[in-house]
C-alpha atoms as a PDB file:
ATOM      1  CA  UNK A   1       0.000   0.000   0.000  1.00  0.00           C
ATOM      2  CA  UNK A   2       2.780   2.406   0.961  1.00  0.00           C
ATOM      3  CA  UNK A   3       4.700   1.562  -2.224  1.00  0.00           C
ATOM      4  CA  UNK A   4       1.603   2.214  -4.351  1.00  0.00           C
ATOM      5  CA  UNK A   5       1.014   5.565  -2.642  1.00  0.00           C
ATOM      6  CA  UNK A   6       4.619   6.619  -3.265  1.00  0.00           C
ATOM      7  CA  UNK A   7       4.291   5.610  -6.924  1.00  0.00           C
ATOM      8  CA  UNK A   8       1.097   7.629  -7.349  1.00  0.00           C
ATOM      9  CA  UNK A   9       2.620  10.726  -5.730  1.00  0.00           C
ATOM     10  CA  UNK A  10       5.803  10.396  -7.811  1.00  0.00           C
ATOM     11  CA  UNK A  11       3.832   9.948 -11.027  1.00  0.00           C
ATOM     12  CA  UNK A  12       1.660  12.955 -10.171  1.00  0.00           C
ATOM     13  CA  UNK A  13       4.657  15.201  -9.557  1.00  0.00           C
ATOM     14  CA  UNK A  14       6.367  14.003 -12.722  1.00  0.00           C
ATOM     15  CA  UNK A  15       3.235  14.505 -14.798  1.00  0.00           C
ATOM     16  CA  UNK A  16       2.579  17.999 -13.430  1.00  0.00           C
ATOM     17  CA  UNK A  17       6.187  19.055 -13.975  1.00  0.00           C
ATOM     18  CA  UNK A  18       6.004  18.053 -17.628  1.00  0.00           C
ATOM     19  CA  UNK A  19       2.427  19.150 -18.271  1.00  0.00           C
ATOM     20  CA  UNK A  20       3.192  22.145 -20.430  1.00  0.00           C
ATOM     21  CA  UNK A  21       5.810  20.299 -22.535  1.00  0.00           C
ATOM     22  CA  UNK A  22       3.483  17.507 -23.668  1.00  0.00           C
ATOM     23  CA  UNK A  23       3.265  18.822 -27.204  1.00  0.00           C
ATOM     24  CA  UNK A  24       0.799  17.422 -29.730  1.00  0.00           C
ATOM     25  CA  UNK A  25       2.545  17.500 -33.117  1.00  0.00           C
ATOM     26  CA  UNK A  26       6.137  17.074 -31.931  1.00  0.00           C
ATOM     27  CA  UNK A  27       7.830  14.992 -29.244  1.00  0.00           C
ATOM     28  CA  UNK A  28       9.849  16.911 -26.635  1.00  0.00           C
ATOM     29  CA  UNK A  29      13.315  15.717 -25.595  1.00  0.00           C
ATOM     30  CA  UNK A  30      11.747  14.386 -22.376  1.00  0.00           C
ATOM     31  CA  UNK A  31      10.827  10.719 -22.790  1.00  0.00           C
ATOM     32  CA  UNK A  32       7.983   8.651 -21.433  1.00  0.00           C
ATOM     33  CA  UNK A  33       9.098   7.489 -17.934  1.00  0.00           C
ATOM     34  CA  UNK A  34      10.655   4.051 -17.534  1.00  0.00           C
ATOM     35  CA  UNK A  35       8.128   1.212 -17.304  1.00  0.00           C
ATOM     36  CA  UNK A  36       5.262   3.497 -18.378  1.00  0.00           C
ATOM     37  CA  UNK A  37       3.076   3.292 -21.474  1.00  0.00           C
ATOM     38  CA  UNK A  38       1.001   5.915 -23.256  1.00  0.00           C
ATOM     39  CA  UNK A  39      -1.935   4.816 -25.428  1.00  0.00           C
ATOM     40  CA  UNK A  40      -2.931   7.525 -27.896  1.00  0.00           C
ATOM     41  CA  UNK A  41      -5.649   7.959 -30.509  1.00  0.00           C
ATOM     42  CA  UNK A  42      -5.108  10.925 -32.839  1.00  0.00           C
ATOM     43  CA  UNK A  43      -7.877  12.006 -35.206  1.00  0.00           C
ATOM     44  CA  UNK A  44      -7.398  14.541 -37.986  1.00  0.00           C
ATOM     45  CA  UNK A  45     -10.090  16.119 -40.148  1.00  0.00           C
ATOM     46  CA  UNK A  46      -8.548  18.178 -42.958  1.00  0.00           C
ATOM     47  CA  UNK A  47     -10.291  19.887 -45.856  1.00  0.00           C
ATOM     48  CA  UNK A  48      -9.241  18.740 -49.324  1.00  0.00           C
ATOM     49  CA  UNK A  49      -8.367  21.661 -51.613  1.00  0.00           C
ATOM     50  CA  UNK A  50      -9.695  19.875 -54.718  1.00  0.00           C
ATOM     51  CA  UNK A  51     -13.356  19.524 -53.719  1.00  0.00           C
ATOM     52  CA  UNK A  52     -13.630  20.842 -50.106  1.00  0.00           C
ATOM     53  CA  UNK A  53     -14.486  17.346 -48.833  1.00  0.00           C
ATOM     54  CA  UNK A  54     -13.130  16.108 -45.494  1.00  0.00           C
ATOM     55  CA  UNK A  55     -10.114  13.812 -45.297  1.00  0.00           C
ATOM     56  CA  UNK A  56     -10.176  11.770 -42.089  1.00  0.00           C
ATOM     57  CA  UNK A  57      -7.130  10.031 -40.631  1.00  0.00           C
ATOM     58  CA  UNK A  58      -6.973   7.965 -37.452  1.00  0.00           C
ATOM     59  CA  UNK A  59      -3.562   7.181 -35.976  1.00  0.00           C
ATOM     60  CA  UNK A  60      -3.536   4.859 -32.954  1.00  0.00           C
ATOM     61  CA  UNK A  61      -0.221   5.007 -31.120  1.00  0.00           C
ATOM     62  CA  UNK A  62       1.630   3.334 -28.249  1.00  0.00           C
ATOM     63  CA  UNK A  63       4.586   4.980 -26.499  1.00  0.00           C
ATOM     64  CA  UNK A  64       6.735   2.967 -24.090  1.00  0.00           C
ATOM     65  CA  UNK A  65       9.555   4.022 -21.771  1.00  0.00           C
ATOM     66  CA  UNK A  66      12.344   1.460 -22.044  1.00  0.00           C
ATOM     67  CA  UNK A  67      14.525   3.296 -19.544  1.00  0.00           C
ATOM     68  CA  UNK A  68      15.114   6.906 -18.506  1.00  0.00           C
ATOM     69  CA  UNK A  69      17.015   7.650 -21.722  1.00  0.00           C
ATOM     70  CA  UNK A  70      15.191   5.654 -24.405  1.00  0.00           C
ATOM     71  CA  UNK A  71      11.555   5.446 -25.507  1.00  0.00           C
ATOM     72  CA  UNK A  72       9.881   3.558 -28.328  1.00  0.00           C
ATOM     73  CA  UNK A  73       6.828   4.726 -30.296  1.00  0.00           C
ATOM     74  CA  UNK A  74       4.724   2.639 -32.691  1.00  0.00           C
ATOM     75  CA  UNK A  75       1.660   3.799 -34.602  1.00  0.00           C
ATOM     76  CA  UNK A  76      -0.647   2.854 -37.470  1.00  0.00           C
ATOM     77  CA  UNK A  77      -2.325   4.898 -40.237  1.00  0.00           C
ATOM     78  CA  UNK A  78      -6.019   4.525 -41.116  1.00  0.00           C
ATOM     79  CA  UNK A  79      -7.921   6.858 -43.461  1.00  0.00           C
ATOM     80  CA  UNK A  80     -11.133   7.324 -45.474  1.00  0.00           C
ATOM     81  CA  UNK A  81      -9.412   7.819 -48.830  1.00  0.00           C
ATOM     82  CA  UNK A  82     -11.535   6.698 -51.823  1.00  0.00           C
ATOM     83  CA  UNK A  83     -14.612   6.814 -49.538  1.00  0.00           C
ATOM     84  CA  UNK A  84     -13.755   3.656 -47.605  1.00  0.00           C
ATOM     85  CA  UNK A  85     -11.788   2.735 -44.502  1.00  0.00           C
ATOM     86  CA  UNK A  86      -8.187   1.935 -45.434  1.00  0.00           C
ATOM     87  CA  UNK A  87      -5.327   0.585 -43.342  1.00  0.00           C
ATOM     88  CA  UNK A  88      -2.435   2.356 -45.047  1.00  0.00           C
ATOM     89  CA  UNK A  89       0.657   1.586 -43.011  1.00  0.00           C
ATOM     90  CA  UNK A  90       2.614   1.980 -39.783  1.00  0.00           C
ATOM     91  CA  UNK A  91       5.784   3.450 -38.332  1.00  0.00           C
ATOM     92  CA  UNK A  92       8.288   2.908 -35.518  1.00  0.00           C
ATOM     93  CA  UNK A  93      10.150   5.728 -33.772  1.00  0.00           C
ATOM     94  CA  UNK A  94      12.992   5.455 -31.281  1.00  0.00           C
ATOM     95  CA  UNK A  95      14.208   8.412 -29.221  1.00  0.00           C
ATOM     96  CA  UNK A  96      17.403   8.575 -27.150  1.00  0.00           C
ATOM     97  CA  UNK A  97      17.865  11.396 -24.639  1.00  0.00           C
ATOM     98  CA  UNK A  98      21.596  12.030 -24.466  1.00  0.00           C
ATOM     99  CA  UNK A  99      21.747  15.235 -22.410  1.00  0.00           C
ATOM    100  CA  UNK A 100      19.956  16.471 -19.274  1.00  0.00           C
ATOM    101  CA  UNK A 101      20.547  19.519 -17.105  1.00  0.00           C
ATOM    102  CA  UNK A 102      17.882  19.342 -14.398  1.00  0.00           C
ATOM    103  CA  UNK A 103      17.250  21.939 -11.716  1.00  0.00           C
ATOM    104  CA  UNK A 104      14.312  22.836  -9.482  1.00  0.00           C
ATOM    105  CA  UNK A 105      11.305  23.767 -11.692  1.00  0.00           C
ATOM    106  CA  UNK A 106      13.495  23.927 -14.792  1.00  0.00           C
ATOM    107  CA  UNK A 107      15.528  21.683 -17.065  1.00  0.00           C
ATOM    108  CA  UNK A 108      17.136  21.513 -20.478  1.00  0.00           C
ATOM    109  CA  UNK A 109      17.241  18.247 -22.420  1.00  0.00           C
ATOM    110  CA  UNK A 110      18.395  17.069 -25.832  1.00  0.00           C
ATOM    111  CA  UNK A 111      17.517  13.909 -27.729  1.00  0.00           C
ATOM    112  CA  UNK A 112      18.151  12.237 -31.078  1.00  0.00           C
ATOM    113  CA  UNK A 113      15.465  10.178 -32.760  1.00  0.00           C
ATOM    114  CA  UNK A 114      14.598   8.261 -35.890  1.00  0.00           C
ATOM    115  CA  UNK A 115      11.334   7.167 -37.530  1.00  0.00           C
ATOM    116  CA  UNK A 116      10.938   4.366 -40.078  1.00  0.00           C
ATOM    117  CA  UNK A 117       7.585   4.285 -41.890  1.00  0.00           C
ATOM    118  CA  UNK A 118       5.915   1.991 -44.416  1.00  0.00           C
ATOM    119  CA  UNK A 119       2.817   3.118 -46.297  1.00  0.00           C
ATOM    120  CA  UNK A 120       0.775   1.982 -49.285  1.00  0.00           C
ATOM    121  CA  UNK A 121      -1.286   5.149 -49.768  1.00  0.00           C
ATOM    122  CA  UNK A 122      -1.390   6.994 -53.059  1.00  0.00           C
ATOM    123  CA  UNK A 123       1.266   9.735 -53.146  1.00  0.00           C
ATOM    124  CA  UNK A 124      -0.851  12.765 -54.014  1.00  0.00           C
ATOM    125  CA  UNK A 125       1.167  15.747 -52.778  1.00  0.00           C
ATOM    126  CA  UNK A 126       4.701  17.157 -52.736  1.00  0.00           C
ATOM    127  CA  UNK A 127       4.817  17.496 -48.948  1.00  0.00           C
ATOM    128  CA  UNK A 128       6.755  14.633 -47.330  1.00  0.00           C
ATOM    129  CA  UNK A 129       5.096  13.280 -44.181  1.00  0.00           C
ATOM    130  CA  UNK A 130       6.186   9.924 -42.766  1.00  0.00           C
ATOM    131  CA  UNK A 131       3.553  10.098 -40.044  1.00  0.00           C
ATOM    132  CA  UNK A 132       0.656   9.012 -42.230  1.00  0.00           C
ATOM    133  CA  UNK A 133       1.460   9.598 -45.917  1.00  0.00           C
ATOM    134  CA  UNK A 134       4.895   8.444 -47.063  1.00  0.00           C
ATOM    135  CA  UNK A 135       7.241   5.502 -46.655  1.00  0.00           C
ATOM    136  CA  UNK A 136      10.791   6.385 -45.697  1.00  0.00           C
ATOM    137  CA  UNK A 137      13.193   7.245 -42.907  1.00  0.00           C
ATOM    138  CA  UNK A 138      13.595  10.347 -40.766  1.00  0.00           C
ATOM    139  CA  UNK A 139      16.453  11.413 -38.463  1.00  0.00           C
ATOM    140  CA  UNK A 140      16.085  14.274 -35.996  1.00  0.00           C
ATOM    141  CA  UNK A 141      17.533  16.286 -33.121  1.00  0.00           C
ATOM    142  CA  UNK A 142      15.354  17.889 -30.414  1.00  0.00           C
ATOM    143  CA  UNK A 143      16.101  20.356 -27.649  1.00  0.00           C
ATOM    144  CA  UNK A 144      13.562  21.189 -24.912  1.00  0.00           C
ATOM    145  CA  UNK A 145      13.752  23.872 -22.211  1.00  0.00           C
ATOM    146  CA  UNK A 146      11.342  23.902 -19.259  1.00  0.00           C
ATOM    147  CA  UNK A 147      11.126  27.145 -17.268  1.00  0.00           C
ATOM    148  CA  UNK A 148       8.629  26.565 -14.439  1.00  0.00           C
ATOM    149  CA  UNK A 149       5.260  26.925 -16.224  1.00  0.00           C
ATOM    150  CA  UNK A 150       6.645  27.572 -19.707  1.00  0.00           C
ATOM    151  CA  UNK A 151       8.190  25.058 -22.096  1.00  0.00           C
ATOM    152  CA  UNK A 152      10.109  25.673 -25.324  1.00  0.00           C
ATOM    153  CA  UNK A 153      11.033  22.933 -27.766  1.00  0.00           C
ATOM    154  CA  UNK A 154      12.627  22.870 -31.205  1.00  0.00           C
ATOM    155  CA  UNK A 155      13.585  20.168 -33.687  1.00  0.00           C
ATOM    156  CA  UNK A 156      15.502  19.860 -36.919  1.00  0.00           C
ATOM    157  CA  UNK A 157      15.281  16.682 -38.984  1.00  0.00           C
ATOM    158  CA  UNK A 158      16.039  15.089 -42.329  1.00  0.00           C
ATOM    159  CA  UNK A 159      13.487  12.998 -44.239  1.00  0.00           C
ATOM    160  CA  UNK A 160      14.081  10.571 -47.092  1.00  0.00           C
ATOM    161  CA  UNK A 161      10.877   9.470 -48.846  1.00  0.00           C
ATOM    162  CA  UNK A 162      10.564   6.147 -50.691  1.00  0.00           C
ATOM    163  CA  UNK A 163       7.941   4.587 -52.934  1.00  0.00           C
ATOM    164  CA  UNK A 164       4.731   3.444 -51.220  1.00  0.00           C
ATOM    165  CA  UNK A 165       4.881  -0.214 -52.335  1.00  0.00           C
ATOM    166  CA  UNK A 166       2.621  -0.380 -55.403  1.00  0.00           C
ATOM    167  CA  UNK A 167       2.343   3.423 -55.470  1.00  0.00           C
ATOM    168  CA  UNK A 168       5.641   4.609 -56.901  1.00  0.00           C
ATOM    169  CA  UNK A 169       7.161   7.937 -55.932  1.00  0.00           C
ATOM    170  CA  UNK A 170       6.500  10.613 -58.618  1.00  0.00           C
ATOM    171  CA  UNK A 171       9.669  11.482 -60.516  1.00  0.00           C
ATOM    172  CA  UNK A 172       8.929  15.222 -60.434  1.00  0.00           C
ATOM    173  CA  UNK A 173       8.664  15.307 -56.593  1.00  0.00           C
ATOM    174  CA  UNK A 174      11.588  15.834 -54.239  1.00  0.00           C
ATOM    175  CA  UNK A 175      12.480  12.797 -52.090  1.00  0.00           C
ATOM    176  CA  UNK A 176      14.686  14.680 -49.591  1.00  0.00           C
ATOM    177  CA  UNK A 177      13.574  17.318 -47.107  1.00  0.00           C
ATOM    178  CA  UNK A 178      14.750  19.182 -44.021  1.00  0.00           C
ATOM    179  CA  UNK A 179      12.047  19.861 -41.420  1.00  0.00           C
ATOM    180  CA  UNK A 180      12.130  22.286 -38.532  1.00  0.00           C
ATOM    181  CA  UNK A 181       9.703  22.948 -35.701  1.00  0.00           C
ATOM    182  CA  UNK A 182       9.314  25.342 -32.790  1.00  0.00           C
ATOM    183  CA  UNK A 183       6.815  24.775 -29.972  1.00  0.00           C
ATOM    184  CA  UNK A 184       5.899  26.801 -26.907  1.00  0.00           C
ATOM    185  CA  UNK A 185       3.565  25.693 -24.120  1.00  0.00           C
ATOM    186  CA  UNK A 186       2.184  27.545 -21.113  1.00  0.00           C
ATOM    187  CA  UNK A 187       0.456  26.070 -18.060  1.00  0.00           C
ATOM    188  CA  UNK A 188      -2.659  28.211 -17.469  1.00  0.00           C
ATOM    189  CA  UNK A 189      -4.612  26.298 -14.818  1.00  0.00           C
ATOM    190  CA  UNK A 190      -4.619  25.513 -11.964  1.00  0.00           C
ATOM    191  CA  UNK A 191      -2.936  28.508 -10.439  1.00  0.00           C
ATOM    192  CA  UNK A 192      -2.097  26.452  -7.341  1.00  0.00           C
ATOM    193  CA  UNK A 193      -1.899  22.665  -7.012  1.00  0.00           C
ATOM    194  CA  UNK A 194      -4.037  21.097  -4.313  1.00  0.00           C
ATOM    195  CA  UNK A 195      -4.308  17.451  -5.367  1.00  0.00           C
ATOM    196  CA  UNK A 196      -3.595  15.151  -8.304  1.00  0.00           C
ATOM    197  CA  UNK A 197      -7.210  15.095  -9.556  1.00  0.00           C
ATOM    198  CA  UNK A 198      -7.113  18.761 -10.563  1.00  0.00           C
ATOM    199  CA  UNK A 199      -7.492  19.324 -14.303  1.00  0.00           C
ATOM    200  CA  UNK A 200      -4.553  21.060 -15.960  1.00  0.00           C
ATOM    201  CA  UNK A 201      -5.171  23.438 -18.852  1.00  0.00           C
ATOM    202  CA  UNK A 202      -2.258  24.183 -21.188  1.00  0.00           C
ATOM    203  CA  UNK A 203      -2.135  26.512 -24.182  1.00  0.00           C
ATOM    204  CA  UNK A 204       0.397  25.832 -26.926  1.00  0.00           C
ATOM    205  CA  UNK A 205       1.510  27.059 -30.316  1.00  0.00           C
ATOM    206  CA  UNK A 206       3.506  24.870 -32.678  1.00  0.00           C
ATOM    207  CA  UNK A 207       5.239  26.016 -35.870  1.00  0.00           C
ATOM    208  CA  UNK A 208       6.122  23.380 -38.479  1.00  0.00           C
ATOM    209  CA  UNK A 209       8.142  23.969 -41.630  1.00  0.00           C
ATOM    210  CA  UNK A 210       9.700  21.941 -44.437  1.00  0.00           C
ATOM    211  CA  UNK A 211      12.280  22.670 -47.151  1.00  0.00           C
ATOM    212  CA  UNK A 212      12.904  20.344 -50.105  1.00  0.00           C
ATOM    213  CA  UNK A 213      16.569  19.897 -50.933  1.00  0.00           C
ATOM    214  CA  UNK A 214      16.178  19.112 -54.641  1.00  0.00           C
ATOM    215  CA  UNK A 215      13.983  22.022 -55.755  1.00  0.00           C
ATOM    216  CA  UNK A 216      13.946  24.490 -52.852  1.00  0.00           C
ATOM    217  CA  UNK A 217      10.168  24.334 -52.316  1.00  0.00           C
ATOM    218  CA  UNK A 218       8.925  24.949 -48.770  1.00  0.00           C
ATOM    219  CA  UNK A 219       5.971  25.525 -46.470  1.00  0.00           C
ATOM    220  CA  UNK A 220       5.307  26.828 -42.964  1.00  0.00           C
ATOM    221  CA  UNK A 221       2.311  25.953 -40.741  1.00  0.00           C
ATOM    222  CA  UNK A 222       1.027  27.174 -37.387  1.00  0.00           C
ATOM    223  CA  UNK A 223      -1.013  25.076 -34.954  1.00  0.00           C
ATOM    224  CA  UNK A 224      -2.561  26.565 -31.791  1.00  0.00           C
ATOM    225  CA  UNK A 225      -3.482  23.870 -29.253  1.00  0.00           C
ATOM    226  CA  UNK A 226      -5.569  23.704 -26.092  1.00  0.00           C
ATOM    227  CA  UNK A 227      -4.775  20.770 -23.848  1.00  0.00           C
ATOM    228  CA  UNK A 228      -6.513  19.258 -20.822  1.00  0.00           C
ATOM    229  CA  UNK A 229      -4.744  16.919 -18.382  1.00  0.00           C
ATOM    230  CA  UNK A 230      -7.394  14.963 -16.476  1.00  0.00           C
ATOM    231  CA  UNK A 231      -6.600  13.335 -13.114  1.00  0.00           C
ATOM    232  CA  UNK A 232      -2.904  13.237 -14.069  1.00  0.00           C
ATOM    233  CA  UNK A 233      -3.457  10.243 -16.378  1.00  0.00           C
ATOM    234  CA  UNK A 234      -5.748  11.188 -19.270  1.00  0.00           C
ATOM    235  CA  UNK A 235      -5.155  13.918 -21.822  1.00  0.00           C
ATOM    236  CA  UNK A 236      -7.283  15.672 -24.449  1.00  0.00           C
ATOM    237  CA  UNK A 237      -5.802  17.912 -27.160  1.00  0.00           C
ATOM    238  CA  UNK A 238      -7.725  20.061 -29.638  1.00  0.00           C
ATOM    239  CA  UNK A 239      -5.744  21.861 -32.347  1.00  0.00           C
ATOM    240  CA  UNK A 240      -6.228  23.764 -35.578  1.00  0.00           C
ATOM    241  CA  UNK A 241      -3.382  23.494 -38.090  1.00  0.00           C
ATOM    242  CA  UNK A 242      -3.203  26.288 -40.664  1.00  0.00           C
ATOM    243  CA  UNK A 243      -0.861  26.871 -43.573  1.00  0.00           C
ATOM    244  CA  UNK A 244       0.910  30.246 -43.419  1.00  0.00           C
ATOM    245  CA  UNK A 245       2.600  29.918 -46.788  1.00  0.00           C
ATOM    246  CA  UNK A 246       3.607  27.222 -49.272  1.00  0.00           C
ATOM    247  CA  UNK A 247       5.438  26.985 -52.590  1.00  0.00           C
ATOM    248  CA  UNK A 248       4.641  23.278 -53.005  1.00  0.00           C
ATOM    249  CA  UNK A 249       1.487  21.358 -53.865  1.00  0.00           C
ATOM    250  CA  UNK A 250      -0.415  20.175 -50.760  1.00  0.00           C
ATOM    251  CA  UNK A 251      -3.819  18.541 -51.019  1.00  0.00           C
ATOM    252  CA  UNK A 252      -5.056  19.149 -47.453  1.00  0.00           C
ATOM    253  CA  UNK A 253      -3.015  21.736 -45.526  1.00  0.00           C
ATOM    254  CA  UNK A 254      -5.693  23.029 -43.104  1.00  0.00           C
ATOM    255  CA  UNK A 255      -7.740  21.152 -40.528  1.00  0.00           C
ATOM    256  CA  UNK A 256      -8.621  20.109 -37.003  1.00  0.00           C
ATOM    257  CA  UNK A 257      -6.754  17.578 -34.866  1.00  0.00           C
ATOM    258  CA  UNK A 258      -8.306  15.882 -31.835  1.00  0.00           C
ATOM    259  CA  UNK A 259      -6.173  13.609 -29.684  1.00  0.00           C
ATOM    260  CA  UNK A 260      -7.018  11.528 -26.619  1.00  0.00           C
ATOM    261  CA  UNK A 261      -4.484   9.526 -24.665  1.00  0.00           C
ATOM    262  CA  UNK A 262      -4.103   7.650 -21.412  1.00  0.00           C
ATOM    263  CA  UNK A 263      -0.990   6.999 -19.339  1.00  0.00           C
ATOM    264  CA  UNK A 264      -0.363   3.648 -17.669  1.00  0.00           C
ATOM    265  CA  UNK A 265       2.401   3.621 -15.058  1.00  0.00           C
ATOM    266  CA  UNK A 266       4.317   0.634 -13.688  1.00  0.00           C
ATOM    267  CA  UNK A 267       3.084  -1.741 -16.394  1.00  0.00           C
ATOM    268  CA  UNK A 268       5.655  -4.429 -15.568  1.00  0.00           C
ATOM    269  CA  UNK A 269       5.429  -5.488 -11.929  1.00  0.00           C
ATOM    270  CA  UNK A 270       8.726  -6.506 -10.406  1.00  0.00           C
ATOM    271  CA  UNK A 271       8.658  -9.100  -7.649  1.00  0.00           C
END
């Protein structure tokens, strides 16, 4: 009983400390805690530019903390393309946190990560996106700074797109891209912590950009997010992603993202 109480209190403190750096569209350099699992269901509803219809994607995801420095993420891609439910592919991401400078109510962390994705969807746009659209590999570097109730995080990454099995990669599209992101999160509520069942409210803004190496085409998006942390275990995110500018062809740049996830701590019991 005492051990369980200590675990709950520790998990609560850890969750509250990281609340405002739990970004939606990017992973911070802080990993999922050791022996913890996050089950996530991300839903996106984006408007197609061709006919103003709605493109729906569902991406179930599992995140697992291997140890304090390494986490593993697996997810699948399901969509309503061609007016039917399609299982399009999956990806695996590994992240290694190689630097930590932790102080009271603040820390700075850095991590390297890589995603490998397989997908059989039709390649219908120049934008490269391994999280749901393209097959390929991605390598990235992330730095995250927590300053009490404010979190800042930035990434730079390289993507190499491949053919989607039977759907070959168009010869006139660039296969290589550099991506960059900047995210800021602010804890708004509660003003004072009283117990672990209090609901946290975080406001965030994420900027996401991409440059193609072969032809110089690029885009930049902004995504404001409101986030609710419920009883220190469940989380609800609601975001609107909007294109600020683009010099490349994108079929569905603007839309709404709704994510729900649940944290499970101490999933492997040690005797």
